[in-house]
């Protein structure tokens, strides 16, 4: 395993986002997300010939799928220290053969300097968290990191802010004598979406801990993202019709 070390050389400050969520994500959401990842990207990842690029790797669902179902090199890009810590802990438990195939990049993709390292790139559950100006830096960086003819798969963000507040309760999970729980609350804030994550841990005597973290999301329609990507040489892959997924290819 080769970890690219971030140095204080003028690069953007390392992200401290997800400091709360990283503790609770795997126990509360990872099983559901793992099934979604396999459904959305499993077939294409298994067919990868030169490499898989996992952009916004988080705790590693796409990365782990790529290491298990392909034999190519994997590049996991995760600027958030808290999420990257969980990812590296997971990678540390793997056999050497798999660890030797994954490189973890602690910088945004446009700072990672990757060139033609993969023929499959995945943006899972992350594009909605990027302001439009940051997305504009992401697309050409993906184009540089892909081989000609490579494919990019983007889990679509919400197309618009919610008309009313949406609350999603996460299923409780028991760990020994403690029960972990949480909820996600989405509400409109102008053209953005405010996403608040509330977590708690309960024991026999009641609530032991409570934590909250707020994220901002920027809606974007499929058509808007296709228009942005077309400027950097991407064209739709007609064979992929999933309503949750945007699939494009880098023109040769």
C-alpha atoms as a PDB file:
ATOM      1  CA  UNK A   1       0.000   0.000   0.000  1.00  0.00           C
ATOM      2  CA  UNK A   2       1.430   3.378  -0.992  1.00  0.00           C
ATOM      3  CA  UNK A   3       0.088   6.438   0.839  1.00  0.00           C
ATOM      4  CA  UNK A   4       0.856   9.797  -0.756  1.00  0.00           C
ATOM      5  CA  UNK A   5       1.811  12.076   2.148  1.00  0.00           C
ATOM      6  CA  UNK A   6       0.388  15.583   2.198  1.00  0.00           C
ATOM      7  CA  UNK A   7       3.086  18.201   2.751  1.00  0.00           C
ATOM      8  CA  UNK A   8       2.716  21.866   3.806  1.00  0.00           C
ATOM      9  CA  UNK A   9       3.766  23.122   0.385  1.00  0.00           C
ATOM     10  CA  UNK A  10       0.934  25.503  -0.422  1.00  0.00           C
ATOM     11  CA  UNK A  11      -1.732  22.896  -1.109  1.00  0.00           C
ATOM     12  CA  UNK A  12      -5.216  23.570   0.212  1.00  0.00           C
ATOM     13  CA  UNK A  13      -5.705  22.860   3.908  1.00  0.00           C
ATOM     14  CA  UNK A  14      -6.535  19.267   4.696  1.00  0.00           C
ATOM     15  CA  UNK A  15     -10.259  18.794   5.253  1.00  0.00           C
ATOM     16  CA  UNK A  16     -11.464  18.170   8.798  1.00  0.00           C
ATOM     17  CA  UNK A  17     -15.021  17.421   7.639  1.00  0.00           C
ATOM     18  CA  UNK A  18     -16.909  14.338   8.798  1.00  0.00           C
ATOM     19  CA  UNK A  19     -15.111  14.293  12.161  1.00  0.00           C
ATOM     20  CA  UNK A  20     -18.373  13.217  13.817  1.00  0.00           C
ATOM     21  CA  UNK A  21     -19.912  11.177  11.024  1.00  0.00           C
ATOM     22  CA  UNK A  22     -16.820   8.996  10.541  1.00  0.00           C
ATOM     23  CA  UNK A  23     -17.422   7.341  13.918  1.00  0.00           C
ATOM     24  CA  UNK A  24     -21.019   6.415  13.147  1.00  0.00           C
ATOM     25  CA  UNK A  25     -21.107   5.866   9.396  1.00  0.00           C
ATOM     26  CA  UNK A  26     -19.976   2.261   9.207  1.00  0.00           C
ATOM     27  CA  UNK A  27     -22.132   1.005  12.040  1.00  0.00           C
ATOM     28  CA  UNK A  28     -25.313   2.800  10.894  1.00  0.00           C
ATOM     29  CA  UNK A  29     -25.181   3.084   7.098  1.00  0.00           C
ATOM     30  CA  UNK A  30     -22.438   0.946   5.579  1.00  0.00           C
ATOM     31  CA  UNK A  31     -24.419  -2.254   4.970  1.00  0.00           C
ATOM     32  CA  UNK A  32     -27.092  -0.448   2.969  1.00  0.00           C
ATOM     33  CA  UNK A  33     -24.476   1.578   1.126  1.00  0.00           C
ATOM     34  CA  UNK A  34     -22.426  -1.524   0.303  1.00  0.00           C
ATOM     35  CA  UNK A  35     -25.418  -3.092  -1.447  1.00  0.00           C
ATOM     36  CA  UNK A  36     -26.012   0.134  -3.392  1.00  0.00           C
ATOM     37  CA  UNK A  37     -22.358   0.348  -4.423  1.00  0.00           C
ATOM     38  CA  UNK A  38     -22.384  -3.206  -5.746  1.00  0.00           C
ATOM     39  CA  UNK A  39     -25.603  -2.609  -7.663  1.00  0.00           C
ATOM     40  CA  UNK A  40     -24.452   0.646  -9.245  1.00  0.00           C
ATOM     41  CA  UNK A  41     -20.815  -0.091 -10.042  1.00  0.00           C
ATOM     42  CA  UNK A  42     -20.086  -3.778  -9.489  1.00  0.00           C
ATOM     43  CA  UNK A  43     -20.273  -4.939 -13.096  1.00  0.00           C
ATOM     44  CA  UNK A  44     -18.094  -2.141 -14.460  1.00  0.00           C
ATOM     45  CA  UNK A  45     -15.512  -2.397 -11.682  1.00  0.00           C
ATOM     46  CA  UNK A  46     -15.152  -6.122 -12.319  1.00  0.00           C
ATOM     47  CA  UNK A  47     -14.383  -5.341 -15.981  1.00  0.00           C
ATOM     48  CA  UNK A  48     -11.691  -2.733 -15.248  1.00  0.00           C
ATOM     49  CA  UNK A  49      -8.532  -3.306 -17.277  1.00  0.00           C
ATOM     50  CA  UNK A  50      -6.051  -0.650 -16.150  1.00  0.00           C
ATOM     51  CA  UNK A  51      -7.279   0.720 -12.830  1.00  0.00           C
ATOM     52  CA  UNK A  52     -10.138   1.968 -10.664  1.00  0.00           C
ATOM     53  CA  UNK A  53     -10.320   5.536  -9.363  1.00  0.00           C
ATOM     54  CA  UNK A  54     -12.474   6.033  -6.254  1.00  0.00           C
ATOM     55  CA  UNK A  55     -13.096   9.780  -5.848  1.00  0.00           C
ATOM     56  CA  UNK A  56     -14.294  10.718  -2.381  1.00  0.00           C
ATOM     57  CA  UNK A  57     -13.550   7.242  -1.078  1.00  0.00           C
ATOM     58  CA  UNK A  58     -14.945   7.830   2.421  1.00  0.00           C
ATOM     59  CA  UNK A  59     -14.565   4.730   4.563  1.00  0.00           C
ATOM     60  CA  UNK A  60     -13.919   2.644   1.465  1.00  0.00           C
ATOM     61  CA  UNK A  61     -17.001   0.903   0.075  1.00  0.00           C
ATOM     62  CA  UNK A  62     -16.040   1.397  -3.585  1.00  0.00           C
ATOM     63  CA  UNK A  63     -12.364   0.791  -2.855  1.00  0.00           C
ATOM     64  CA  UNK A  64     -13.079  -2.497  -1.092  1.00  0.00           C
ATOM     65  CA  UNK A  65     -15.325  -3.655  -3.934  1.00  0.00           C
ATOM     66  CA  UNK A  66     -12.587  -2.849  -6.450  1.00  0.00           C
ATOM     67  CA  UNK A  67      -9.949  -4.724  -4.457  1.00  0.00           C
ATOM     68  CA  UNK A  68     -12.185  -7.758  -4.121  1.00  0.00           C
ATOM     69  CA  UNK A  69     -13.704  -7.959  -7.607  1.00  0.00           C
ATOM     70  CA  UNK A  70     -10.858  -6.745  -9.841  1.00  0.00           C
ATOM     71  CA  UNK A  71      -7.145  -7.373 -10.177  1.00  0.00           C
ATOM     72  CA  UNK A  72      -6.133  -3.852 -11.157  1.00  0.00           C
ATOM     73  CA  UNK A  73      -4.591  -1.011  -9.195  1.00  0.00           C
ATOM     74  CA  UNK A  74      -6.927   1.197  -7.163  1.00  0.00           C
ATOM     75  CA  UNK A  75      -6.525   4.896  -6.384  1.00  0.00           C
ATOM     76  CA  UNK A  76      -8.623   6.071  -3.417  1.00  0.00           C
ATOM     77  CA  UNK A  77      -8.920   9.857  -3.124  1.00  0.00           C
ATOM     78  CA  UNK A  78     -10.110  11.071   0.296  1.00  0.00           C
ATOM     79  CA  UNK A  79      -9.148  14.529   1.606  1.00  0.00           C
ATOM     80  CA  UNK A  80     -11.117  14.264   4.886  1.00  0.00           C
ATOM     81  CA  UNK A  81      -8.812  13.017   7.635  1.00  0.00           C
ATOM     82  CA  UNK A  82     -11.564  11.357   9.693  1.00  0.00           C
ATOM     83  CA  UNK A  83     -12.914   9.318   6.795  1.00  0.00           C
ATOM     84  CA  UNK A  84      -9.421   8.474   5.581  1.00  0.00           C
ATOM     85  CA  UNK A  85      -8.510   7.126   9.011  1.00  0.00           C
ATOM     86  CA  UNK A  86     -11.399   4.650   8.823  1.00  0.00           C
ATOM     87  CA  UNK A  87     -10.393   3.733   5.274  1.00  0.00           C
ATOM     88  CA  UNK A  88      -6.772   3.049   6.209  1.00  0.00           C
ATOM     89  CA  UNK A  89      -7.824   1.005   9.235  1.00  0.00           C
ATOM     90  CA  UNK A  90      -9.908  -1.164   6.941  1.00  0.00           C
ATOM     91  CA  UNK A  91      -7.086  -1.506   4.414  1.00  0.00           C
ATOM     92  CA  UNK A  92      -4.627  -2.482   7.146  1.00  0.00           C
ATOM     93  CA  UNK A  93      -6.597  -5.674   7.775  1.00  0.00           C
ATOM     94  CA  UNK A  94      -6.346  -6.841   4.149  1.00  0.00           C
ATOM     95  CA  UNK A  95      -3.859  -9.381   2.762  1.00  0.00           C
ATOM     96  CA  UNK A  96      -0.652  -7.938   1.356  1.00  0.00           C
ATOM     97  CA  UNK A  97      -1.701  -8.711  -2.226  1.00  0.00           C
ATOM     98  CA  UNK A  98      -4.657  -6.365  -1.942  1.00  0.00           C
ATOM     99  CA  UNK A  99      -2.875  -3.663   0.059  1.00  0.00           C
ATOM    100  CA  UNK A 100      -0.145  -3.529  -2.579  1.00  0.00           C
ATOM    101  CA  UNK A 101      -2.743  -2.582  -5.205  1.00  0.00           C
ATOM    102  CA  UNK A 102      -4.253   0.453  -3.474  1.00  0.00           C
ATOM    103  CA  UNK A 103      -2.857   3.965  -3.164  1.00  0.00           C
ATOM    104  CA  UNK A 104      -4.582   6.425  -0.833  1.00  0.00           C
ATOM    105  CA  UNK A 105      -4.418  10.106  -1.793  1.00  0.00           C
ATOM    106  CA  UNK A 106      -5.100  12.628   0.999  1.00  0.00           C
ATOM    107  CA  UNK A 107      -5.676  15.572  -1.358  1.00  0.00           C
ATOM    108  CA  UNK A 108      -8.485  16.600  -3.702  1.00  0.00           C
ATOM    109  CA  UNK A 109      -8.164  14.947  -7.089  1.00  0.00           C
ATOM    110  CA  UNK A 110      -7.131  18.174  -8.828  1.00  0.00           C
ATOM    111  CA  UNK A 111      -4.069  18.282  -6.523  1.00  0.00           C
ATOM    112  CA  UNK A 112      -3.189  14.584  -6.732  1.00  0.00           C
ATOM    113  CA  UNK A 113      -1.427  14.790 -10.103  1.00  0.00           C
ATOM    114  CA  UNK A 114      -2.859  11.522 -11.433  1.00  0.00           C
ATOM    115  CA  UNK A 115      -2.431  10.837 -15.146  1.00  0.00           C
ATOM    116  CA  UNK A 116      -4.075   7.946 -17.036  1.00  0.00           C
ATOM    117  CA  UNK A 117      -4.181   5.637 -14.016  1.00  0.00           C
ATOM    118  CA  UNK A 118      -7.655   4.095 -14.467  1.00  0.00           C
ATOM    119  CA  UNK A 119     -10.253   3.135 -17.038  1.00  0.00           C
ATOM    120  CA  UNK A 120     -13.082   3.201 -14.464  1.00  0.00           C
ATOM    121  CA  UNK A 121     -13.745   6.186 -12.177  1.00  0.00           C
ATOM    122  CA  UNK A 122     -16.485   6.406  -9.548  1.00  0.00           C
ATOM    123  CA  UNK A 123     -17.954   9.418  -7.731  1.00  0.00           C
ATOM    124  CA  UNK A 124     -20.217   7.821  -5.146  1.00  0.00           C
ATOM    125  CA  UNK A 125     -22.267   9.966  -2.767  1.00  0.00           C
ATOM    126  CA  UNK A 126     -19.977  12.970  -3.141  1.00  0.00           C
ATOM    127  CA  UNK A 127     -20.774  15.237  -6.116  1.00  0.00           C
ATOM    128  CA  UNK A 128     -23.724  16.812  -4.299  1.00  0.00           C
ATOM    129  CA  UNK A 129     -21.331  17.944  -1.553  1.00  0.00           C
ATOM    130  CA  UNK A 130     -19.295  20.061  -3.990  1.00  0.00           C
ATOM    131  CA  UNK A 131     -20.057  23.716  -4.806  1.00  0.00           C
ATOM    132  CA  UNK A 132     -20.314  24.331  -8.574  1.00  0.00           C
ATOM    133  CA  UNK A 133     -16.882  25.968  -8.714  1.00  0.00           C
ATOM    134  CA  UNK A 134     -15.286  22.902  -7.136  1.00  0.00           C
ATOM    135  CA  UNK A 135     -17.103  20.598  -9.569  1.00  0.00           C
ATOM    136  CA  UNK A 136     -15.561  22.602 -12.387  1.00  0.00           C
ATOM    137  CA  UNK A 137     -12.112  21.673 -11.103  1.00  0.00           C
ATOM    138  CA  UNK A 138     -13.085  18.042 -10.622  1.00  0.00           C
ATOM    139  CA  UNK A 139     -14.165  17.185 -14.177  1.00  0.00           C
ATOM    140  CA  UNK A 140     -10.879  18.020 -15.960  1.00  0.00           C
ATOM    141  CA  UNK A 141      -8.936  16.289 -13.179  1.00  0.00           C
ATOM    142  CA  UNK A 142     -10.959  13.129 -13.819  1.00  0.00           C
ATOM    143  CA  UNK A 143     -10.285  13.479 -17.538  1.00  0.00           C
ATOM    144  CA  UNK A 144      -6.549  13.558 -16.851  1.00  0.00           C
ATOM    145  CA  UNK A 145      -6.714  10.580 -14.502  1.00  0.00           C
ATOM    146  CA  UNK A 146      -8.680   8.399 -16.927  1.00  0.00           C
ATOM    147  CA  UNK A 147      -7.262   6.546 -19.896  1.00  0.00           C
ATOM    148  CA  UNK A 148      -8.800   7.451 -23.289  1.00  0.00           C
ATOM    149  CA  UNK A 149     -12.125   5.694 -23.610  1.00  0.00           C
ATOM    150  CA  UNK A 150     -12.379   5.263 -19.852  1.00  0.00           C
ATOM    151  CA  UNK A 151     -15.720   5.541 -18.081  1.00  0.00           C
ATOM    152  CA  UNK A 152     -16.934   7.740 -15.239  1.00  0.00           C
ATOM    153  CA  UNK A 153     -19.878   6.768 -13.024  1.00  0.00           C
ATOM    154  CA  UNK A 154     -21.476   9.484 -10.880  1.00  0.00           C
ATOM    155  CA  UNK A 155     -24.183   8.898  -8.303  1.00  0.00           C
ATOM    156  CA  UNK A 156     -26.543  11.757  -9.083  1.00  0.00           C
ATOM    157  CA  UNK A 157     -27.119  14.388  -6.398  1.00  0.00           C
ATOM    158  CA  UNK A 158     -30.632  15.709  -5.700  1.00  0.00           C
ATOM    159  CA  UNK A 159     -31.931  17.647  -8.687  1.00  0.00           C
ATOM    160  CA  UNK A 160     -33.425  20.393  -6.507  1.00  0.00           C
ATOM    161  CA  UNK A 161     -33.853  21.338  -2.847  1.00  0.00           C
ATOM    162  CA  UNK A 162     -36.646  19.459  -1.049  1.00  0.00           C
ATOM    163  CA  UNK A 163     -40.069  21.137  -1.024  1.00  0.00           C
ATOM    164  CA  UNK A 164     -40.388  20.306   2.679  1.00  0.00           C
ATOM    165  CA  UNK A 165     -38.103  19.043   5.418  1.00  0.00           C
ATOM    166  CA  UNK A 166     -37.255  15.348   5.032  1.00  0.00           C
ATOM    167  CA  UNK A 167     -36.242  13.220   8.021  1.00  0.00           C
ATOM    168  CA  UNK A 168     -34.691   9.779   7.559  1.00  0.00           C
ATOM    169  CA  UNK A 169     -34.245   7.685  10.693  1.00  0.00           C
ATOM    170  CA  UNK A 170     -31.281   5.296  10.651  1.00  0.00           C
ATOM    171  CA  UNK A 171     -31.930   1.805  11.975  1.00  0.00           C
ATOM    172  CA  UNK A 172     -30.574   1.212  15.481  1.00  0.00           C
ATOM    173  CA  UNK A 173     -27.552  -1.042  15.775  1.00  0.00           C
ATOM    174  CA  UNK A 174     -26.408  -2.804  18.937  1.00  0.00           C
ATOM    175  CA  UNK A 175     -22.745  -3.090  19.866  1.00  0.00           C
ATOM    176  CA  UNK A 176     -22.388  -4.970  23.133  1.00  0.00           C
ATOM    177  CA  UNK A 177     -24.339  -3.138  25.821  1.00  0.00           C
ATOM    178  CA  UNK A 178     -24.786   0.008  23.734  1.00  0.00           C
ATOM    179  CA  UNK A 179     -27.252   0.900  20.980  1.00  0.00           C
ATOM    180  CA  UNK A 180     -26.221   3.327  18.245  1.00  0.00           C
ATOM    181  CA  UNK A 181     -28.797   5.368  16.367  1.00  0.00           C
ATOM    182  CA  UNK A 182     -29.207   8.447  14.245  1.00  0.00           C
ATOM    183  CA  UNK A 183     -31.231  10.437  11.764  1.00  0.00           C
ATOM    184  CA  UNK A 184     -30.597  12.624   8.723  1.00  0.00           C
ATOM    185  CA  UNK A 185     -32.631  15.807   8.230  1.00  0.00           C
ATOM    186  CA  UNK A 186     -32.669  17.525   4.828  1.00  0.00           C
ATOM    187  CA  UNK A 187     -34.109  21.013   4.387  1.00  0.00           C
ATOM    188  CA  UNK A 188     -33.962  23.720   1.744  1.00  0.00           C
ATOM    189  CA  UNK A 189     -31.707  26.724   2.329  1.00  0.00           C
ATOM    190  CA  UNK A 190     -32.074  28.899  -0.753  1.00  0.00           C
ATOM    191  CA  UNK A 191     -30.472  27.052  -3.653  1.00  0.00           C
ATOM    192  CA  UNK A 192     -28.639  24.704  -1.295  1.00  0.00           C
ATOM    193  CA  UNK A 193     -29.674  21.773   0.892  1.00  0.00           C
ATOM    194  CA  UNK A 194     -28.864  21.748   4.581  1.00  0.00           C
ATOM    195  CA  UNK A 195     -28.182  18.188   5.755  1.00  0.00           C
ATOM    196  CA  UNK A 196     -28.014  17.709   9.509  1.00  0.00           C
ATOM    197  CA  UNK A 197     -26.837  14.390  10.940  1.00  0.00           C
ATOM    198  CA  UNK A 198     -27.797  13.604  14.536  1.00  0.00           C
ATOM    199  CA  UNK A 199     -26.273  10.602  16.295  1.00  0.00           C
ATOM    200  CA  UNK A 200     -26.685   9.094  19.735  1.00  0.00           C
ATOM    201  CA  UNK A 201     -25.494   6.186  21.845  1.00  0.00           C
ATOM    202  CA  UNK A 202     -27.807   4.663  24.443  1.00  0.00           C
ATOM    203  CA  UNK A 203     -27.127   2.317  27.325  1.00  0.00           C
ATOM    204  CA  UNK A 204     -29.304   0.736  29.988  1.00  0.00           C
ATOM    205  CA  UNK A 205     -29.361   4.044  31.875  1.00  0.00           C
ATOM    206  CA  UNK A 206     -30.447   6.110  28.846  1.00  0.00           C
ATOM    207  CA  UNK A 207     -28.613   8.363  26.398  1.00  0.00           C
ATOM    208  CA  UNK A 208     -24.850   8.260  26.955  1.00  0.00           C
ATOM    209  CA  UNK A 209     -23.733  10.545  24.120  1.00  0.00           C
ATOM    210  CA  UNK A 210     -25.270  12.778  21.478  1.00  0.00           C
ATOM    211  CA  UNK A 211     -23.509  14.380  18.498  1.00  0.00           C
ATOM    212  CA  UNK A 212     -24.548  16.454  15.478  1.00  0.00           C
ATOM    213  CA  UNK A 213     -22.865  17.475  12.243  1.00  0.00           C
ATOM    214  CA  UNK A 214     -24.169  19.704   9.449  1.00  0.00           C
ATOM    215  CA  UNK A 215     -23.306  19.408   5.760  1.00  0.00           C
ATOM    216  CA  UNK A 216     -24.231  21.524   2.763  1.00  0.00           C
ATOM    217  CA  UNK A 217     -25.294  20.089  -0.575  1.00  0.00           C
ATOM    218  CA  UNK A 218     -25.644  21.688  -4.009  1.00  0.00           C
ATOM    219  CA  UNK A 219     -28.406  20.202  -6.199  1.00  0.00           C
ATOM    220  CA  UNK A 220     -27.713  19.576  -9.878  1.00  0.00           C
ATOM    221  CA  UNK A 221     -29.797  17.973 -12.605  1.00  0.00           C
ATOM    222  CA  UNK A 222     -28.547  15.209 -14.884  1.00  0.00           C
ATOM    223  CA  UNK A 223     -28.693  17.653 -17.803  1.00  0.00           C
ATOM    224  CA  UNK A 224     -26.580  20.229 -16.021  1.00  0.00           C
ATOM    225  CA  UNK A 225     -23.889  17.705 -15.120  1.00  0.00           C
ATOM    226  CA  UNK A 226     -23.854  16.335 -18.663  1.00  0.00           C
ATOM    227  CA  UNK A 227     -23.364  19.865 -19.964  1.00  0.00           C
ATOM    228  CA  UNK A 228     -20.468  20.479 -17.575  1.00  0.00           C
ATOM    229  CA  UNK A 229     -18.814  17.172 -18.444  1.00  0.00           C
ATOM    230  CA  UNK A 230     -19.205  17.691 -22.206  1.00  0.00           C
ATOM    231  CA  UNK A 231     -16.847  20.672 -21.985  1.00  0.00           C
ATOM    232  CA  UNK A 232     -14.075  18.271 -20.937  1.00  0.00           C
ATOM    233  CA  UNK A 233     -14.592  15.581 -23.542  1.00  0.00           C
ATOM    234  CA  UNK A 234     -17.148  13.318 -21.844  1.00  0.00           C
ATOM    235  CA  UNK A 235     -20.115  11.802 -23.658  1.00  0.00           C
ATOM    236  CA  UNK A 236     -23.060   9.774 -22.273  1.00  0.00           C
ATOM    237  CA  UNK A 237     -22.923   5.992 -22.168  1.00  0.00           C
ATOM    238  CA  UNK A 238     -26.271   5.068 -23.668  1.00  0.00           C
ATOM    239  CA  UNK A 239     -26.257   1.519 -22.269  1.00  0.00           C
ATOM    240  CA  UNK A 240     -26.625   2.775 -18.678  1.00  0.00           C
ATOM    241  CA  UNK A 241     -30.156   3.860 -17.823  1.00  0.00           C
ATOM    242  CA  UNK A 242     -30.214   3.767 -14.006  1.00  0.00           C
ATOM    243  CA  UNK A 243     -32.128   6.793 -12.693  1.00  0.00           C
ATOM    244  CA  UNK A 244     -29.663   7.114  -9.801  1.00  0.00           C
ATOM    245  CA  UNK A 245     -26.548   7.031 -11.959  1.00  0.00           C
ATOM    246  CA  UNK A 246     -24.855   9.208 -14.551  1.00  0.00           C
ATOM    247  CA  UNK A 247     -22.511   7.239 -16.831  1.00  0.00           C
ATOM    248  CA  UNK A 248     -20.175   8.925 -19.294  1.00  0.00           C
ATOM    249  CA  UNK A 249     -17.105   8.006 -21.304  1.00  0.00           C
ATOM    250  CA  UNK A 250     -13.999   9.998 -22.126  1.00  0.00           C
ATOM    251  CA  UNK A 251     -13.806  10.375 -25.892  1.00  0.00           C
ATOM    252  CA  UNK A 252     -10.640   9.014 -27.411  1.00  0.00           C
END
